[in-house]
Amino acid sequence: MRKNYHTHTHRCFHAQGADADFAAAAKEQGFSVIGFSDHGPWPFKDYVSGMRMPAAALEDYAESVFSLRAQYRGEMEILLGLESEYFPQYLPWLCAMAEKHGLDYLILGHHFSGNEPGGIYNGSLTHARDVVRYQKDVCAAMKTGLFSYVCHPDLFMRGYPVFDKTCEKASRAIIETAMETNTPLEYNLLGLQHSLHDGKQGYPYPAFWQLAAEYRATAIIGIDAHTPDAYRDTQTIAAAEQYLADLGIPVTDEIRLLHD
């Protein structure tokens, strides 16, 4: 693994480390491409999120990444992105911000359906209807063509008690839409790290990826780095590469950019 497009910054309030430290760790480990994709802001009214950067931080974020891009030019490619939900009411705003700040790409991290304020976190679902809504949102998002790939597509299994028929049907729909739209599905290393170290199965969820193998859907490995040391966790990276290889799942390290 020499390319990673899933890197957060301190601006989202739950990642740690200076932007330069993430870049230095990636260069130290021989990465040729890294993308910063912090949790993107939304134009909420009378609501302040505790898990994403505020809109006012976008300019500083872009300037910091562009500065690192210049610093590492010729040694390592550095891209600017955001991890965002599928909120149809805000998509025009998101596209305007992407153009204004020169974003290279967007990745779909669908943490909430409908909206964040008053919404349900998709990592703690307990009702089948909410799994179906998550699936419909993720499929609709892929069809927009805005998102380079789907982060932790099996996020709904972080809290759902059992992989039942609803989960299987939702997973098949997500996988089939990913193939129809040529959208990679992320095998998320932060979730894998929690599973390996904490012994709690969340995402990546084996049943989901066994279905992905059945379809031969394309995966992309995402470190989901919240600290610079995530780039140094070679054990988790190797475990992911071996698991996907054993399943026969094709893996890409290339993404579609907004300006392609």
C-alpha atoms as a PDB file:
ATOM      1  CA  MET A   1       0.000   0.000   0.000  1.00  0.00           C
ATOM      2  CA  ARG A   2       1.583   3.227  -1.182  1.00  0.00           C
ATOM      3  CA  LYS A   3      -1.454   5.464  -1.685  1.00  0.00           C
ATOM      4  CA  ASN A   4      -3.972   6.560   0.932  1.00  0.00           C
ATOM      5  CA  TYR A   5      -6.759   9.082   0.435  1.00  0.00           C
ATOM      6  CA  HIS A   6      -8.348   8.947   3.897  1.00  0.00           C
ATOM      7  CA  THR A   7      -6.543  11.266   6.320  1.00  0.00           C
ATOM      8  CA  HIS A   8      -8.074  13.511   8.966  1.00  0.00           C
ATOM      9  CA  THR A   9      -6.789  16.597  10.777  1.00  0.00           C
ATOM     10  CA  HIS A  10      -7.233  18.225  14.174  1.00  0.00           C
ATOM     11  CA  ARG A  11      -9.955  20.454  12.695  1.00  0.00           C
ATOM     12  CA  CYS A  12     -12.595  17.725  13.097  1.00  0.00           C
ATOM     13  CA  PHE A  13     -12.066  17.767  16.907  1.00  0.00           C
ATOM     14  CA  HIS A  14     -11.346  14.038  17.223  1.00  0.00           C
ATOM     15  CA  ALA A  15      -8.062  13.633  15.311  1.00  0.00           C
ATOM     16  CA  GLN A  16      -4.655  14.526  16.709  1.00  0.00           C
ATOM     17  CA  GLY A  17      -1.439  15.781  15.166  1.00  0.00           C
ATOM     18  CA  ALA A  18      -0.255  18.584  12.925  1.00  0.00           C
ATOM     19  CA  ASP A  19      -0.897  18.295   9.194  1.00  0.00           C
ATOM     20  CA  ALA A  20       2.868  18.259   8.613  1.00  0.00           C
ATOM     21  CA  ASP A  21       3.230  15.269  10.954  1.00  0.00           C
ATOM     22  CA  PHE A  22       0.788  13.200   8.891  1.00  0.00           C
ATOM     23  CA  ALA A  23       2.706  14.023   5.716  1.00  0.00           C
ATOM     24  CA  ALA A  24       6.047  13.251   7.336  1.00  0.00           C
ATOM     25  CA  ALA A  25       4.823   9.871   8.612  1.00  0.00           C
ATOM     26  CA  ALA A  26       3.488   8.962   5.173  1.00  0.00           C
ATOM     27  CA  LYS A  27       6.775   9.930   3.505  1.00  0.00           C
ATOM     28  CA  GLU A  28       8.707   7.961   6.125  1.00  0.00           C
ATOM     29  CA  GLN A  29       6.702   4.843   5.254  1.00  0.00           C
ATOM     30  CA  GLY A  30       7.230   5.231   1.526  1.00  0.00           C
ATOM     31  CA  PHE A  31       3.830   6.500   0.453  1.00  0.00           C
ATOM     32  CA  SER A  32       3.742   8.072  -2.996  1.00  0.00           C
ATOM     33  CA  VAL A  33       0.285   9.678  -2.697  1.00  0.00           C
ATOM     34  CA  ILE A  34      -1.686  10.845   0.313  1.00  0.00           C
ATOM     35  CA  GLY A  35      -4.976  12.647   0.411  1.00  0.00           C
ATOM     36  CA  PHE A  36      -6.275  14.762   3.250  1.00  0.00           C
ATOM     37  CA  SER A  37     -10.021  14.177   3.557  1.00  0.00           C
ATOM     38  CA  ASP A  38     -11.148  15.627   6.846  1.00  0.00           C
ATOM     39  CA  HIS A  39     -14.800  15.535   7.883  1.00  0.00           C
ATOM     40  CA  GLY A  40     -16.308  18.254   5.757  1.00  0.00           C
ATOM     41  CA  PRO A  41     -18.508  21.046   7.082  1.00  0.00           C
ATOM     42  CA  TRP A  42     -22.155  21.660   6.246  1.00  0.00           C
ATOM     43  CA  PRO A  43     -24.128  24.916   6.400  1.00  0.00           C
ATOM     44  CA  PHE A  44     -26.168  23.918   9.442  1.00  0.00           C
ATOM     45  CA  LYS A  45     -28.381  26.556  11.037  1.00  0.00           C
ATOM     46  CA  ASP A  46     -28.201  27.013  14.803  1.00  0.00           C
ATOM     47  CA  TYR A  47     -26.200  23.809  15.196  1.00  0.00           C
ATOM     48  CA  VAL A  48     -22.498  23.217  15.798  1.00  0.00           C
ATOM     49  CA  SER A  49     -21.137  19.752  15.050  1.00  0.00           C
ATOM     50  CA  GLY A  50     -18.591  18.216  17.372  1.00  0.00           C
ATOM     51  CA  MET A  51     -17.225  15.781  14.793  1.00  0.00           C
ATOM     52  CA  ARG A  52     -16.441  17.894  11.722  1.00  0.00           C
ATOM     53  CA  MET A  53     -14.554  21.031  10.838  1.00  0.00           C
ATOM     54  CA  PRO A  54     -16.501  24.293  10.801  1.00  0.00           C
ATOM     55  CA  ALA A  55     -16.909  25.990   7.437  1.00  0.00           C
ATOM     56  CA  ALA A  56     -14.649  28.804   8.632  1.00  0.00           C
ATOM     57  CA  ALA A  57     -11.755  26.329   8.824  1.00  0.00           C
ATOM     58  CA  LEU A  58     -11.881  25.386   5.126  1.00  0.00           C
ATOM     59  CA  GLU A  59      -9.575  28.165   3.968  1.00  0.00           C
ATOM     60  CA  ASP A  60      -6.892  27.318   6.521  1.00  0.00           C
ATOM     61  CA  TYR A  61      -7.284  23.614   5.713  1.00  0.00           C
ATOM     62  CA  ALA A  62      -6.789  24.191   1.995  1.00  0.00           C
ATOM     63  CA  GLU A  63      -3.838  26.530   2.506  1.00  0.00           C
ATOM     64  CA  SER A  64      -2.126  24.026   4.804  1.00  0.00           C
ATOM     65  CA  VAL A  65      -2.514  21.148   2.354  1.00  0.00           C
ATOM     66  CA  PHE A  66      -1.368  23.271  -0.582  1.00  0.00           C
ATOM     67  CA  SER A  67       1.709  24.307   1.401  1.00  0.00           C
ATOM     68  CA  LEU A  68       2.555  20.656   2.071  1.00  0.00           C
ATOM     69  CA  ARG A  69       1.953  19.850  -1.590  1.00  0.00           C
ATOM     70  CA  ALA A  70       4.569  22.418  -2.555  1.00  0.00           C
ATOM     71  CA  GLN A  71       6.966  21.183   0.137  1.00  0.00           C
ATOM     72  CA  TYR A  72       6.820  17.568  -1.074  1.00  0.00           C
ATOM     73  CA  ARG A  73       6.587  18.235  -4.800  1.00  0.00           C
ATOM     74  CA  GLY A  74       8.649  15.651  -6.662  1.00  0.00           C
ATOM     75  CA  GLU A  75       8.743  13.358  -3.624  1.00  0.00           C
ATOM     76  CA  MET A  76       5.115  12.632  -2.760  1.00  0.00           C
ATOM     77  CA  GLU A  77       1.809  13.774  -4.245  1.00  0.00           C
ATOM     78  CA  ILE A  78      -0.565  15.419  -1.769  1.00  0.00           C
ATOM     79  CA  LEU A  79      -4.255  15.848  -2.588  1.00  0.00           C
ATOM     80  CA  LEU A  80      -7.009  17.909  -0.974  1.00  0.00           C
ATOM     81  CA  GLY A  81     -10.360  16.314  -0.279  1.00  0.00           C
ATOM     82  CA  LEU A  82     -13.245  16.051   2.149  1.00  0.00           C
ATOM     83  CA  GLU A  83     -15.184  13.179   3.652  1.00  0.00           C
ATOM     84  CA  SER A  84     -18.838  14.146   3.361  1.00  0.00           C
ATOM     85  CA  GLU A  85     -22.311  12.728   3.810  1.00  0.00           C
ATOM     86  CA  TYR A  86     -25.054  12.526   1.201  1.00  0.00           C
ATOM     87  CA  PHE A  87     -27.285  15.436   2.177  1.00  0.00           C
ATOM     88  CA  PRO A  88     -29.123  16.357  -1.068  1.00  0.00           C
ATOM     89  CA  GLN A  89     -30.278  19.712   0.302  1.00  0.00           C
ATOM     90  CA  TYR A  90     -26.670  20.802   0.809  1.00  0.00           C
ATOM     91  CA  LEU A  91     -25.027  19.370  -2.324  1.00  0.00           C
ATOM     92  CA  PRO A  92     -25.071  22.682  -4.265  1.00  0.00           C
ATOM     93  CA  TRP A  93     -23.281  24.301  -1.324  1.00  0.00           C
ATOM     94  CA  LEU A  94     -20.755  21.464  -1.185  1.00  0.00           C
ATOM     95  CA  CYS A  95     -20.010  21.716  -4.901  1.00  0.00           C
ATOM     96  CA  ALA A  96     -19.539  25.481  -4.590  1.00  0.00           C
ATOM     97  CA  MET A  97     -17.120  25.004  -1.690  1.00  0.00           C
ATOM     98  CA  ALA A  98     -15.213  22.329  -3.601  1.00  0.00           C
ATOM     99  CA  GLU A  99     -14.705  24.705  -6.511  1.00  0.00           C
ATOM    100  CA  LYS A 100     -13.902  27.714  -4.323  1.00  0.00           C
ATOM    101  CA  HIS A 101     -11.195  25.933  -2.339  1.00  0.00           C
ATOM    102  CA  GLY A 102      -9.792  23.803  -5.157  1.00  0.00           C
ATOM    103  CA  LEU A 103     -10.710  20.377  -3.807  1.00  0.00           C
ATOM    104  CA  ASP A 104      -9.331  17.401  -5.691  1.00  0.00           C
ATOM    105  CA  TYR A 105     -11.916  14.866  -4.549  1.00  0.00           C
ATOM    106  CA  LEU A 106     -14.772  13.956  -2.224  1.00  0.00           C
ATOM    107  CA  ILE A 107     -15.293  10.640  -0.463  1.00  0.00           C
ATOM    108  CA  LEU A 108     -18.621   9.483   0.941  1.00  0.00           C
ATOM    109  CA  GLY A 109     -18.699   8.899   4.683  1.00  0.00           C
ATOM    110  CA  HIS A 110     -22.424   8.650   5.318  1.00  0.00           C
ATOM    111  CA  HIS A 111     -22.521   8.996   9.087  1.00  0.00           C
ATOM    112  CA  PHE A 112     -26.032  10.457   9.269  1.00  0.00           C
ATOM    113  CA  SER A 113     -29.110  10.113   7.078  1.00  0.00           C
ATOM    114  CA  GLY A 114     -31.232  13.150   6.272  1.00  0.00           C
ATOM    115  CA  ASN A 115     -29.262  15.612   8.365  1.00  0.00           C
ATOM    116  CA  GLU A 116     -26.898  15.567  11.313  1.00  0.00           C
ATOM    117  CA  PRO A 117     -29.001  17.667  13.713  1.00  0.00           C
ATOM    118  CA  GLY A 118     -31.945  15.506  14.670  1.00  0.00           C
ATOM    119  CA  GLY A 119     -30.664  12.580  12.609  1.00  0.00           C
ATOM    120  CA  ILE A 120     -29.683   9.036  13.491  1.00  0.00           C
ATOM    121  CA  TYR A 121     -26.026   8.042  13.544  1.00  0.00           C
ATOM    122  CA  ASN A 122     -25.601   5.243  11.035  1.00  0.00           C
ATOM    123  CA  GLY A 123     -23.026   3.526  13.215  1.00  0.00           C
ATOM    124  CA  SER A 124     -25.576   2.777  15.925  1.00  0.00           C
ATOM    125  CA  LEU A 125     -28.578   1.491  13.985  1.00  0.00           C
ATOM    126  CA  THR A 126     -30.911  -1.025  15.600  1.00  0.00           C
ATOM    127  CA  HIS A 127     -33.953  -0.983  13.279  1.00  0.00           C
ATOM    128  CA  ALA A 128     -34.203  -2.556   9.824  1.00  0.00           C
ATOM    129  CA  ARG A 129     -35.879   0.548   8.376  1.00  0.00           C
ATOM    130  CA  ASP A 130     -32.790   2.606   9.189  1.00  0.00           C
ATOM    131  CA  VAL A 131     -30.506   0.107   7.455  1.00  0.00           C
ATOM    132  CA  VAL A 132     -32.701   0.399   4.360  1.00  0.00           C
ATOM    133  CA  ARG A 133     -32.543   4.183   4.506  1.00  0.00           C
ATOM    134  CA  TYR A 134     -28.754   4.074   4.811  1.00  0.00           C
ATOM    135  CA  GLN A 135     -28.561   1.781   1.791  1.00  0.00           C
ATOM    136  CA  LYS A 136     -30.816   4.012  -0.317  1.00  0.00           C
ATOM    137  CA  ASP A 137     -28.804   7.101   0.586  1.00  0.00           C
ATOM    138  CA  VAL A 138     -25.466   5.466  -0.200  1.00  0.00           C
ATOM    139  CA  CYS A 139     -26.719   4.188  -3.548  1.00  0.00           C
ATOM    140  CA  ALA A 140     -28.159   7.604  -4.449  1.00  0.00           C
ATOM    141  CA  ALA A 141     -24.861   9.246  -3.506  1.00  0.00           C
ATOM    142  CA  MET A 142     -22.865   6.953  -5.786  1.00  0.00           C
ATOM    143  CA  LYS A 143     -25.185   7.750  -8.677  1.00  0.00           C
ATOM    144  CA  THR A 144     -24.386  11.468  -8.410  1.00  0.00           C
ATOM    145  CA  GLY A 145     -20.833  10.801  -9.566  1.00  0.00           C
ATOM    146  CA  LEU A 146     -19.499  13.281  -6.996  1.00  0.00           C
ATOM    147  CA  PHE A 147     -17.797  10.793  -4.698  1.00  0.00           C
ATOM    148  CA  SER A 148     -14.551   9.021  -5.534  1.00  0.00           C
ATOM    149  CA  TYR A 149     -15.364   6.093  -3.269  1.00  0.00           C
ATOM    150  CA  VAL A 150     -17.523   4.966  -0.349  1.00  0.00           C
ATOM    151  CA  CYS A 151     -15.845   5.049   3.073  1.00  0.00           C
ATOM    152  CA  HIS A 152     -16.701   2.178   5.415  1.00  0.00           C
ATOM    153  CA  PRO A 153     -19.751   1.067   3.357  1.00  0.00           C
ATOM    154  CA  ASP A 154     -20.579  -1.443   6.110  1.00  0.00           C
ATOM    155  CA  LEU A 155     -20.780   1.280   8.799  1.00  0.00           C
ATOM    156  CA  PHE A 156     -24.312   0.128   9.656  1.00  0.00           C
ATOM    157  CA  MET A 157     -22.858  -3.054  11.173  1.00  0.00           C
ATOM    158  CA  ARG A 158     -21.015  -1.065  13.841  1.00  0.00           C
ATOM    159  CA  GLY A 159     -24.130  -1.151  16.001  1.00  0.00           C
ATOM    160  CA  TYR A 160     -26.620  -3.458  14.294  1.00  0.00           C
ATOM    161  CA  PRO A 161     -26.955  -6.672  16.329  1.00  0.00           C
ATOM    162  CA  VAL A 162     -26.892  -9.319  13.571  1.00  0.00           C
ATOM    163  CA  PHE A 163     -26.275  -9.555   9.830  1.00  0.00           C
ATOM    164  CA  ASP A 164     -29.838 -10.498   8.897  1.00  0.00           C
ATOM    165  CA  LYS A 165     -31.774 -10.611   5.601  1.00  0.00           C
ATOM    166  CA  THR A 166     -32.220  -6.838   5.660  1.00  0.00           C
ATOM    167  CA  CYS A 167     -28.466  -6.369   5.969  1.00  0.00           C
ATOM    168  CA  GLU A 168     -27.789  -8.842   3.198  1.00  0.00           C
ATOM    169  CA  LYS A 169     -30.256  -7.139   0.849  1.00  0.00           C
ATOM    170  CA  ALA A 170     -28.858  -3.696   1.681  1.00  0.00           C
ATOM    171  CA  SER A 171     -25.295  -4.913   1.174  1.00  0.00           C
ATOM    172  CA  ARG A 172     -26.111  -6.432  -2.201  1.00  0.00           C
ATOM    173  CA  ALA A 173     -27.749  -3.179  -3.324  1.00  0.00           C
ATOM    174  CA  ILE A 174     -24.707  -1.137  -2.262  1.00  0.00           C
ATOM    175  CA  ILE A 175     -22.289  -3.539  -3.938  1.00  0.00           C
ATOM    176  CA  GLU A 176     -24.315  -3.721  -7.150  1.00  0.00           C
ATOM    177  CA  THR A 177     -24.575   0.071  -7.360  1.00  0.00           C
ATOM    178  CA  ALA A 178     -20.852   0.387  -6.715  1.00  0.00           C
ATOM    179  CA  MET A 179     -20.189  -1.872  -9.673  1.00  0.00           C
ATOM    180  CA  GLU A 180     -22.701  -0.068 -11.902  1.00  0.00           C
ATOM    181  CA  THR A 181     -21.130   3.317 -11.104  1.00  0.00           C
ATOM    182  CA  ASN A 182     -17.510   2.121 -11.007  1.00  0.00           C
ATOM    183  CA  THR A 183     -17.185   3.300  -7.401  1.00  0.00           C
ATOM    184  CA  PRO A 184     -14.683   1.504  -5.145  1.00  0.00           C
ATOM    185  CA  LEU A 185     -15.749   0.388  -1.684  1.00  0.00           C
ATOM    186  CA  GLU A 186     -13.371   1.148   1.147  1.00  0.00           C
ATOM    187  CA  TYR A 187     -11.901  -1.521   3.379  1.00  0.00           C
ATOM    188  CA  ASN A 188     -11.455   0.694   6.428  1.00  0.00           C
ATOM    189  CA  LEU A 189      -8.336   0.207   8.537  1.00  0.00           C
ATOM    190  CA  LEU A 190      -9.471   2.232  11.539  1.00  0.00           C
ATOM    191  CA  GLY A 191     -12.390  -0.154  11.951  1.00  0.00           C
ATOM    192  CA  LEU A 192     -10.112  -3.136  11.358  1.00  0.00           C
ATOM    193  CA  GLN A 193      -7.693  -1.853  13.963  1.00  0.00           C
ATOM    194  CA  HIS A 194     -10.496  -1.689  16.524  1.00  0.00           C
ATOM    195  CA  SER A 195     -11.541  -5.241  15.635  1.00  0.00           C
ATOM    196  CA  LEU A 196      -8.000  -6.624  15.881  1.00  0.00           C
ATOM    197  CA  HIS A 197      -6.998  -4.770  19.034  1.00  0.00           C
ATOM    198  CA  ASP A 198     -10.298  -4.537  20.923  1.00  0.00           C
ATOM    199  CA  GLY A 199     -11.827  -7.848  19.874  1.00  0.00           C
ATOM    200  CA  LYS A 200     -15.144  -6.217  18.923  1.00  0.00           C
ATOM    201  CA  GLN A 201     -16.470  -6.908  15.439  1.00  0.00           C
ATOM    202  CA  GLY A 202     -17.851  -3.821  13.735  1.00  0.00           C
ATOM    203  CA  TYR A 203     -16.676  -2.769  10.314  1.00  0.00           C
ATOM    204  CA  PRO A 204     -15.142  -4.082   8.128  1.00  0.00           C
ATOM    205  CA  TYR A 205     -17.817  -6.741   8.578  1.00  0.00           C
ATOM    206  CA  PRO A 206     -16.866 -10.168   7.156  1.00  0.00           C
ATOM    207  CA  ALA A 207     -20.318 -10.997   5.755  1.00  0.00           C
ATOM    208  CA  PHE A 208     -20.357  -7.772   3.759  1.00  0.00           C
ATOM    209  CA  TRP A 209     -16.948  -8.451   2.267  1.00  0.00           C
ATOM    210  CA  GLN A 210     -17.804 -12.056   1.486  1.00  0.00           C
ATOM    211  CA  LEU A 211     -20.653 -10.708  -0.622  1.00  0.00           C
ATOM    212  CA  ALA A 212     -18.282  -8.206  -2.237  1.00  0.00           C
ATOM    213  CA  ALA A 213     -16.038 -11.148  -3.135  1.00  0.00           C
ATOM    214  CA  GLU A 214     -19.006 -12.961  -4.661  1.00  0.00           C
ATOM    215  CA  TYR A 215     -19.544  -9.998  -6.990  1.00  0.00           C
ATOM    216  CA  ARG A 216     -15.811  -9.303  -7.407  1.00  0.00           C
ATOM    217  CA  ALA A 217     -16.481  -5.686  -6.480  1.00  0.00           C
ATOM    218  CA  THR A 218     -13.464  -3.378  -6.372  1.00  0.00           C
ATOM    219  CA  ALA A 219     -12.088  -2.389  -2.982  1.00  0.00           C
ATOM    220  CA  ILE A 220      -9.818   0.445  -1.953  1.00  0.00           C
ATOM    221  CA  ILE A 221      -7.910   0.356   1.330  1.00  0.00           C
ATOM    222  CA  GLY A 222      -8.351   3.455   3.469  1.00  0.00           C
ATOM    223  CA  ILE A 223      -6.193   4.075   6.530  1.00  0.00           C
ATOM    224  CA  ASP A 224      -8.722   6.549   7.966  1.00  0.00           C
ATOM    225  CA  ALA A 225      -5.797   8.147   9.761  1.00  0.00           C
ATOM    226  CA  HIS A 226      -6.704  10.139  12.858  1.00  0.00           C
ATOM    227  CA  THR A 227      -3.105  10.231  14.105  1.00  0.00           C
ATOM    228  CA  PRO A 228       0.187  10.239  12.180  1.00  0.00           C
ATOM    229  CA  ASP A 229       1.042   6.862  13.713  1.00  0.00           C
ATOM    230  CA  ALA A 230      -1.775   5.283  11.703  1.00  0.00           C
ATOM    231  CA  TYR A 231       0.592   5.463   8.727  1.00  0.00           C
ATOM    232  CA  ARG A 232       3.114   3.426  10.705  1.00  0.00           C
ATOM    233  CA  ASP A 233       0.688   0.614  11.557  1.00  0.00           C
ATOM    234  CA  THR A 234       2.109  -1.821   9.044  1.00  0.00           C
ATOM    235  CA  GLN A 235       0.527  -4.796  10.834  1.00  0.00           C
ATOM    236  CA  THR A 236      -3.026  -3.612  10.148  1.00  0.00           C
ATOM    237  CA  ILE A 237      -2.183  -2.660   6.572  1.00  0.00           C
ATOM    238  CA  ALA A 238      -0.714  -6.125   5.945  1.00  0.00           C
ATOM    239  CA  ALA A 239      -3.745  -7.822   7.528  1.00  0.00           C
ATOM    240  CA  ALA A 240      -6.093  -5.924   5.208  1.00  0.00           C
ATOM    241  CA  GLU A 241      -4.055  -6.697   2.106  1.00  0.00           C
ATOM    242  CA  GLN A 242      -3.921 -10.392   2.988  1.00  0.00           C
ATOM    243  CA  TYR A 243      -7.631 -10.617   3.796  1.00  0.00           C
ATOM    244  CA  LEU A 244      -8.695  -9.037   0.509  1.00  0.00           C
ATOM    245  CA  ALA A 245      -6.233 -11.189  -1.427  1.00  0.00           C
ATOM    246  CA  ASP A 246      -7.544 -14.339   0.232  1.00  0.00           C
ATOM    247  CA  LEU A 247     -11.084 -13.375  -0.790  1.00  0.00           C
ATOM    248  CA  GLY A 248      -9.966 -12.650  -4.344  1.00  0.00           C
ATOM    249  CA  ILE A 249     -11.288  -9.083  -4.206  1.00  0.00           C
ATOM    250  CA  PRO A 250      -9.640  -6.738  -6.726  1.00  0.00           C
ATOM    251  CA  VAL A 251      -8.028  -3.726  -5.052  1.00  0.00           C
ATOM    252  CA  THR A 252      -7.380  -0.346  -6.633  1.00  0.00           C
ATOM    253  CA  ASP A 253      -5.220   2.516  -5.420  1.00  0.00           C
ATOM    254  CA  GLU A 254      -6.459   5.026  -8.001  1.00  0.00           C
ATOM    255  CA  ILE A 255      -9.429   7.364  -7.578  1.00  0.00           C
ATOM    256  CA  ARG A 256     -11.550   9.582  -9.779  1.00  0.00           C
ATOM    257  CA  LEU A 257     -10.801  13.269  -9.200  1.00  0.00           C
ATOM    258  CA  LEU A 258     -13.256  16.147  -9.470  1.00  0.00           C
ATOM    259  CA  HIS A 259     -11.237  17.775 -12.225  1.00  0.00           C
ATOM    260  CA  ASP A 260     -10.740  14.628 -14.320  1.00  0.00           C
END
